[in-house]
Protein backbone atom coordinates (compact mmCIF):
# COMPACT_ATOMS: atom_id res chain seq x y z
CA UNK A 1 93.16 100.46 84.34
CA UNK A 2 96.93 101.60 84.79
CA UNK A 3 98.54 99.66 87.62
CA UNK A 4 101.74 100.38 89.14
CA UNK A 5 103.66 100.44 92.36
CA UNK A 6 105.00 103.07 94.85
CA UNK A 7 108.79 102.66 94.86
CA UNK A 8 109.49 103.11 98.61
CA UNK A 9 109.75 99.30 99.21
CA UNK A 10 112.42 99.19 96.23
CA UNK A 11 114.77 101.87 97.63
CA UNK A 12 117.17 99.27 98.46
CA UNK A 13 117.67 98.67 94.69
CA UNK A 14 118.91 100.80 91.80
CA UNK A 15 116.36 102.42 89.51
CA UNK A 16 117.01 99.83 86.68
CA UNK A 17 116.68 97.03 89.23
CA UNK A 18 113.47 98.36 90.52
CA UNK A 19 112.20 98.77 87.26
CA UNK A 20 112.80 95.05 86.31
CA UNK A 21 110.84 94.13 89.54
CA UNK A 22 107.88 96.16 88.36
CA UNK A 23 107.93 94.44 85.11
CA UNK A 24 108.25 90.95 86.71
CA UNK A 25 105.12 91.49 88.71
CA UNK A 26 103.13 92.31 85.72
CA UNK A 27 102.86 96.18 86.40
CA UNK A 28 103.50 98.87 83.97
CA UNK A 29 104.27 101.86 86.21
CA UNK A 30 106.56 103.19 89.03
CA UNK A 31 105.42 106.12 91.29
CA UNK A 32 108.53 107.78 92.17
CA UNK A 33 109.41 109.34 95.67
CA UNK A 34 110.72 112.78 95.31
CA UNK A 35 111.16 114.04 98.89
CA UNK A 36 109.14 114.47 102.09
CA UNK A 37 109.47 111.80 104.77
CA UNK A 38 111.63 109.66 102.51
CA UNK A 39 114.62 110.70 100.19
CA UNK A 40 114.57 110.72 96.35
CA UNK A 41 116.43 107.60 96.05
CA UNK A 42 115.48 106.83 92.43
CA UNK A 43 116.09 110.58 91.12
CA UNK A 44 119.95 110.95 91.84
CA UNK A 45 119.95 113.70 89.18
CA UNK A 46 117.25 115.63 90.64
CA UNK A 47 118.83 119.10 90.48
CA UNK A 48 120.41 118.47 87.04
CA UNK A 49 116.88 117.31 85.56
CA UNK A 50 115.38 120.65 86.57
CA UNK A 51 117.98 122.54 84.28
CA UNK A 52 119.31 120.12 81.98
CA UNK A 53 117.43 118.44 78.89
CA UNK A 54 120.04 116.05 78.40
CA UNK A 55 119.73 114.90 82.18
CA UNK A 56 116.07 114.91 81.64
CA UNK A 57 116.23 112.85 78.67
CA UNK A 58 118.89 110.33 80.30
CA UNK A 59 116.43 109.89 83.12
CA UNK A 60 113.25 109.15 80.84
CA UNK A 61 115.41 106.92 78.79
CA UNK A 62 115.94 104.53 81.67
CA UNK A 63 112.10 104.00 81.92
CA UNK A 64 111.73 103.63 78.21
CA UNK A 65 114.51 101.15 78.17
CA UNK A 66 112.72 99.20 80.81
CA UNK A 67 109.25 99.33 79.20
CA UNK A 68 107.84 101.14 82.67
CA UNK A 69 106.15 104.41 82.62
CA UNK A 70 106.54 107.08 85.46
CA UNK A 71 103.18 106.67 87.34
CA UNK A 72 103.41 110.04 89.21
CA UNK A 73 105.70 111.55 91.73
CA UNK A 74 105.26 111.33 95.58
CA UNK A 75 106.71 113.82 98.18
CA UNK A 76 104.37 112.78 101.29
CA UNK A 77 105.60 114.82 104.47
CA UNK A 78 104.20 117.56 106.53
CA UNK A 79 104.70 120.96 104.53
CA UNK A 80 102.79 122.55 107.50
CA UNK A 81 105.02 121.45 110.21
CA UNK A 82 105.55 124.13 112.95
CA UNK A 83 109.08 123.52 113.29
CA UNK A 84 110.39 125.66 110.53
CA UNK A 85 113.38 123.45 109.35
CA UNK A 86 110.89 120.33 108.94
CA UNK A 87 108.07 122.26 107.43
CA UNK A 88 110.08 124.32 105.07
CA UNK A 89 111.94 121.41 103.72
CA UNK A 90 108.91 119.51 103.13
CA UNK A 91 107.07 122.28 101.56
CA UNK A 92 109.96 122.80 99.24
CA UNK A 93 110.28 119.09 98.29
CA UNK A 94 106.62 119.51 97.19
CA UNK A 95 107.41 122.64 95.06
CA UNK A 96 110.44 121.20 93.60
CA UNK A 97 108.37 117.92 92.87
CA UNK A 98 105.77 120.06 90.95
CA UNK A 99 108.57 121.44 88.74
CA UNK A 100 110.22 118.20 88.44
CA UNK A 101 106.75 116.81 87.23
CA UNK A 102 106.62 119.32 84.59
CA UNK A 103 109.99 118.57 83.35
CA UNK A 104 109.21 114.79 83.08
CA UNK A 105 105.84 115.25 81.38
CA UNK A 106 103.97 114.27 84.52
CA UNK A 107 100.93 115.72 85.87
CA UNK A 108 100.32 114.25 89.29
CA UNK A 109 102.26 114.87 92.42
CA UNK A 110 101.16 113.08 95.61
CA UNK A 111 101.56 114.53 99.07
CA UNK A 112 99.77 115.29 102.32
CA UNK A 113 97.97 118.52 103.50
CA UNK A 114 100.10 118.75 106.37
CA UNK A 115 99.32 119.50 109.99
CA UNK A 116 100.21 122.78 111.73
CA UNK A 117 100.75 123.44 115.57
CA UNK A 118 97.73 124.27 117.64
CA UNK A 119 98.59 128.03 118.31
CA UNK A 120 101.26 130.51 117.12
CA UNK A 121 104.82 129.75 118.41
CA UNK A 122 104.12 125.88 118.75
CA UNK A 123 106.84 123.45 117.54
CA UNK A 124 104.91 120.20 117.42
CA UNK A 125 101.79 119.42 115.23
CA UNK A 126 98.45 118.98 116.97
CA UNK A 127 95.86 116.67 115.46
CA UNK A 128 92.27 117.38 116.66
CA UNK A 129 90.40 114.10 116.63
CA UNK A 130 87.14 115.05 118.28
CA UNK A 131 86.57 118.89 118.55
CA UNK A 132 83.83 118.64 121.27
CA UNK A 133 85.05 121.64 123.20
CA UNK A 134 85.43 125.25 122.08
CA UNK A 135 89.34 125.27 122.57
CA UNK A 136 89.54 122.35 120.03
CA UNK A 137 87.69 124.63 117.46
CA UNK A 138 89.95 127.52 118.11
CA UNK A 139 92.88 125.17 117.25
CA UNK A 140 91.29 124.17 114.01
CA UNK A 141 90.52 127.84 113.09
CA UNK A 142 94.16 128.52 113.78
CA UNK A 143 95.39 125.69 111.58
CA UNK A 144 93.06 126.32 108.77
CA UNK A 145 94.25 130.07 108.78
CA UNK A 146 97.97 128.59 108.36
CA UNK A 147 96.87 126.15 105.61
CA UNK A 148 94.71 128.16 103.51
CA UNK A 149 97.30 130.56 102.16
CA UNK A 150 99.72 128.04 101.79
CA UNK A 151 97.62 125.77 99.78
CA UNK A 152 96.23 128.57 97.54
CA UNK A 153 99.78 129.55 96.62
CA UNK A 154 100.63 125.86 96.09
CA UNK A 155 97.73 125.59 93.80
CA UNK A 156 98.75 128.53 91.77
CA UNK A 157 102.36 126.99 91.25
CA UNK A 158 100.77 123.76 90.28
CA UNK A 159 98.59 125.53 87.82
CA UNK A 160 101.40 127.29 86.41
CA UNK A 161 103.15 124.17 85.56
CA UNK A 162 100.36 122.14 84.38
CA UNK A 163 100.48 119.82 87.30
CA UNK A 164 97.85 118.64 89.83
CA UNK A 165 98.46 117.99 93.40
CA UNK A 166 96.71 114.76 94.97
CA UNK A 167 96.46 114.79 98.81
CA UNK A 168 96.34 111.67 100.67
CA UNK A 169 93.69 111.59 103.20
CA UNK A 170 95.95 110.63 105.87
CA UNK A 171 95.02 110.95 109.51
CA UNK A 172 97.34 113.44 111.61
CA UNK A 173 96.89 115.72 108.68
CA UNK A 174 94.29 118.58 108.50
CA UNK A 175 92.60 117.20 105.57
CA UNK A 176 91.75 113.36 106.15
CA UNK A 177 88.24 113.00 104.95
CA UNK A 178 85.74 114.20 102.17
CA UNK A 179 84.29 117.14 104.21
CA UNK A 180 87.86 118.57 104.81
CA UNK A 181 88.52 118.27 101.04
CA UNK A 182 85.63 120.37 100.39
CA UNK A 183 86.58 122.86 102.83
CA UNK A 184 89.98 123.24 101.53
CA UNK A 185 88.75 123.79 97.92
CA UNK A 186 86.21 126.18 99.12
CA UNK A 187 88.69 128.33 101.12
CA UNK A 188 91.36 128.35 98.54
CA UNK A 189 89.53 128.19 95.16
CA UNK A 190 91.93 125.68 94.10
CA UNK A 191 91.77 124.26 90.55
CA UNK A 192 94.73 122.07 90.70
CA UNK A 193 94.24 120.32 94.11
CA UNK A 194 92.56 117.00 94.66
CA UNK A 195 92.83 113.61 96.19
CA UNK A 196 94.86 110.41 96.02
CA UNK A 197 92.45 107.81 97.01
CA UNK A 198 94.62 105.57 99.24
CA UNK A 199 92.06 102.97 100.58
CA UNK A 200 94.04 101.78 103.54
CA UNK A 201 93.43 105.01 105.88
CA UNK A 202 89.81 105.14 105.02
CA UNK A 203 89.37 101.62 105.89
CA UNK A 204 90.68 101.93 109.31
CA UNK A 205 88.47 105.03 109.98
CA UNK A 206 85.39 102.90 108.96
CA UNK A 207 84.99 105.03 105.80
CA UNK A 208 84.07 103.25 102.35
CA UNK A 209 86.72 104.25 99.73
CA UNK A 210 84.30 103.41 96.78
CA UNK A 211 81.64 105.64 98.31
CA UNK A 212 83.93 108.33 98.95
CA UNK A 213 85.49 108.17 95.38
CA UNK A 214 82.08 108.61 93.95
CA UNK A 215 81.23 111.27 96.24
CA UNK A 216 84.30 113.45 95.33
CA UNK A 217 84.21 112.48 91.61
CA UNK A 218 86.87 114.51 89.73
CA UNK A 219 88.55 115.61 92.68
CA UNK A 220 90.11 112.05 92.78
CA UNK A 221 93.20 112.39 90.80
CA UNK A 222 95.30 109.21 91.55
CA UNK A 223 95.09 106.15 93.62
CA UNK A 224 96.94 103.72 95.96
CA UNK A 225 96.13 100.20 96.36
CA UNK A 226 96.80 99.31 99.93
CA UNK A 227 94.96 97.28 102.32
CA UNK A 228 94.47 96.89 106.11
CA UNK A 229 92.90 94.02 108.11
CA UNK A 230 90.80 94.92 111.43
CA UNK A 231 91.78 92.84 114.38
CA UNK A 232 88.33 92.62 115.79
CA UNK A 233 89.13 91.49 119.17
CA UNK A 234 91.76 94.11 119.84
CA UNK A 235 89.77 96.70 118.14
CA UNK A 236 86.84 95.87 120.30
CA UNK A 237 89.11 96.41 123.30
CA UNK A 238 91.21 99.52 122.23
CA UNK A 239 89.32 100.96 119.22
CA UNK A 240 91.24 102.02 115.97
CA UNK A 241 92.78 105.21 117.74
CA UNK A 242 94.78 103.30 120.22
CA UNK A 243 98.21 104.89 120.89
CA UNK A 244 100.14 101.68 122.14
CA UNK A 245 103.16 102.77 120.12
CA UNK A 246 106.58 102.19 121.26
CA UNK A 247 109.33 104.68 120.86
CA UNK A 248 112.47 103.12 119.05
CA UNK A 249 115.97 103.33 120.53
CA UNK A 250 118.60 105.12 118.60
CA UNK A 251 120.40 101.94 117.86
CA UNK A 252 117.27 100.24 116.40
CA UNK A 253 116.54 100.65 112.73
CA UNK A 254 114.10 103.50 112.52
CA UNK A 255 112.88 105.90 109.70
CA UNK A 256 113.59 109.70 110.44
CA UNK A 257 110.64 111.86 109.60
CA UNK A 258 112.44 115.27 109.78
CA UNK A 259 114.55 116.95 112.41
CA UNK A 260 114.42 114.65 115.58
CA UNK A 261 111.21 113.14 114.72
CA UNK A 262 111.02 109.25 114.08
CA UNK A 263 108.53 106.65 113.29
CA UNK A 264 107.53 104.52 116.19
CA UNK A 265 107.22 100.90 116.55
CA UNK A 266 103.76 99.36 115.85
CA UNK A 267 101.44 98.35 118.91
CA UNK A 268 102.00 94.74 119.53
CA UNK A 269 98.43 93.81 120.12
CA UNK A 270 97.09 96.20 117.29
CA UNK A 271 93.63 97.07 116.55
CA UNK A 272 94.43 96.92 112.68
CA UNK A 273 97.32 96.23 110.57
CA UNK A 274 98.57 97.16 107.28
CA UNK A 275 98.44 93.88 105.07
CA UNK A 276 99.17 92.97 101.54
CA UNK A 277 96.45 93.78 99.07
CA UNK A 278 93.89 90.99 99.11
CA UNK A 279 94.45 89.97 103.04
CA UNK A 280 92.02 92.61 104.06
CA UNK A 281 89.61 92.87 101.23
CA UNK A 282 89.32 90.40 98.38
CA UNK A 283 89.45 90.58 94.61
CA UNK A 284 85.79 91.17 94.50
CA UNK A 285 86.23 94.37 96.63
CA UNK A 286 89.23 95.76 94.46
CA UNK A 287 87.18 95.10 91.38
CA UNK A 288 84.48 97.44 92.51
CA UNK A 289 87.19 99.99 93.70
CA UNK A 290 88.60 100.14 90.33
CA UNK A 291 85.10 100.41 88.85
CA UNK A 292 84.54 103.53 90.67
CA UNK A 293 87.94 105.06 89.68
CA UNK A 294 87.32 104.17 86.00
CA UNK A 295 84.07 106.16 86.39
CA UNK A 296 86.20 109.25 87.34
CA UNK A 297 89.17 108.70 85.04
CA UNK A 298 89.93 105.37 82.94
CA UNK A 299 93.47 106.37 82.59
CA UNK A 300 94.11 106.96 86.48
CA UNK A 301 97.12 105.32 87.86
CA UNK A 302 96.39 102.87 90.67
CA UNK A 303 99.69 102.17 92.42
CA UNK A 304 100.18 99.35 94.94
CA UNK A 305 101.71 100.56 98.34
CA UNK A 306 103.18 97.61 100.28
CA UNK A 307 103.52 97.74 104.18
CA UNK A 308 102.91 94.35 105.39
CA UNK A 309 105.65 93.70 107.62
CA UNK A 310 104.77 89.83 107.51
CA UNK A 311 106.08 89.64 104.19
CA UNK A 312 108.99 90.61 102.34
CA UNK A 313 108.98 93.62 99.79
CA UNK A 314 108.92 91.30 96.75
CA UNK A 315 106.87 88.49 98.20
CA UNK A 316 104.16 91.17 99.37
CA UNK A 317 104.54 92.96 96.09
CA UNK A 318 103.92 89.88 93.89
CA UNK A 319 100.99 88.91 95.92
CA UNK A 320 99.36 92.15 95.85
CA UNK A 321 99.95 92.51 92.04
CA UNK A 322 98.35 89.13 91.74
CA UNK A 323 95.12 90.42 93.51
CA UNK A 324 95.01 93.79 91.40
CA UNK A 325 95.61 91.95 88.12
CA UNK A 326 92.75 89.77 88.96
CA UNK A 327 90.58 92.54 89.97
CA UNK A 328 91.40 94.58 86.56
CA UNK A 329 90.63 91.40 84.49
CA UNK A 330 87.21 91.04 86.40
CA UNK A 331 86.35 94.56 85.94
CA UNK A 332 87.37 94.55 82.12
CA UNK A 333 85.39 91.53 81.54
CA UNK A 334 82.38 93.06 83.34
CA UNK A 335 82.49 95.83 80.90
CA UNK A 336 82.25 93.58 78.03
CA UNK A 337 79.00 91.92 79.14
CA UNK A 338 77.16 95.03 80.15
CA UNK A 339 74.57 96.45 77.65
């Protein structure tokens, strides 16, 4: 399989420096952030590339010189956010990323389905976790009525540019499981929408990424190698939907998510944590994960995403890369001995 890394952990480095890190880790691709929650740090000439062949060729030349490929573009955000300046910006970032992908010879843009408000005039997204009451289904009906035309139009734009949009099945989005994927495709008639198989968010929801991959089949377009660890004692007490997050003060380091929305501090006694690949699930699991992805597309990119706060960016990436290289070697060896 093709192994790369999502570039967010390398935003403190220039693009050439980031590509050196990728090569040193024994990986061959860099998935580049192009907007949404995070800035397009490694595409400083974004606007120029959209209109200038020279700017495009210069940008591609940086990758060619480093011997690293572009492994997809990423514009994760909330394009359905009911606060218009946030939602419209994130939506436009996805559109621009589709156009940029076509200019760069890329066919995959990763993003999220987004999450609208619960009723007309809302200013905050509303995630329905358990629709046991009729009012919750009313909210979902409203949200799907917002999402359907938006993604129908985005699918057409992607098709016009020969690009496919891969949605991360991320909670606090309208589409976060296999049933939602089928519903979106059925409602929109989409031909260029699918899924980025990020195992981590499925793990903590008690889903099986391998089973979901085989169930969705060709709708899986792209993949992320990202791991979690369930902290059993805390999970037994609080459950995986625990909301013991802490609001960060303005003088603390924090990540802006658009407008006046910020990422919060993780719960102290968390039910689960993001960990470096291998610390939650071993080489054997990731070997079978690669096998399932290979059944869908042998040329699919599988990009490491590192969010283990107990490890530095390079340390965590190197550890994860070692696990994924071992899994890839084991999977490749298994193909050789099969009849």
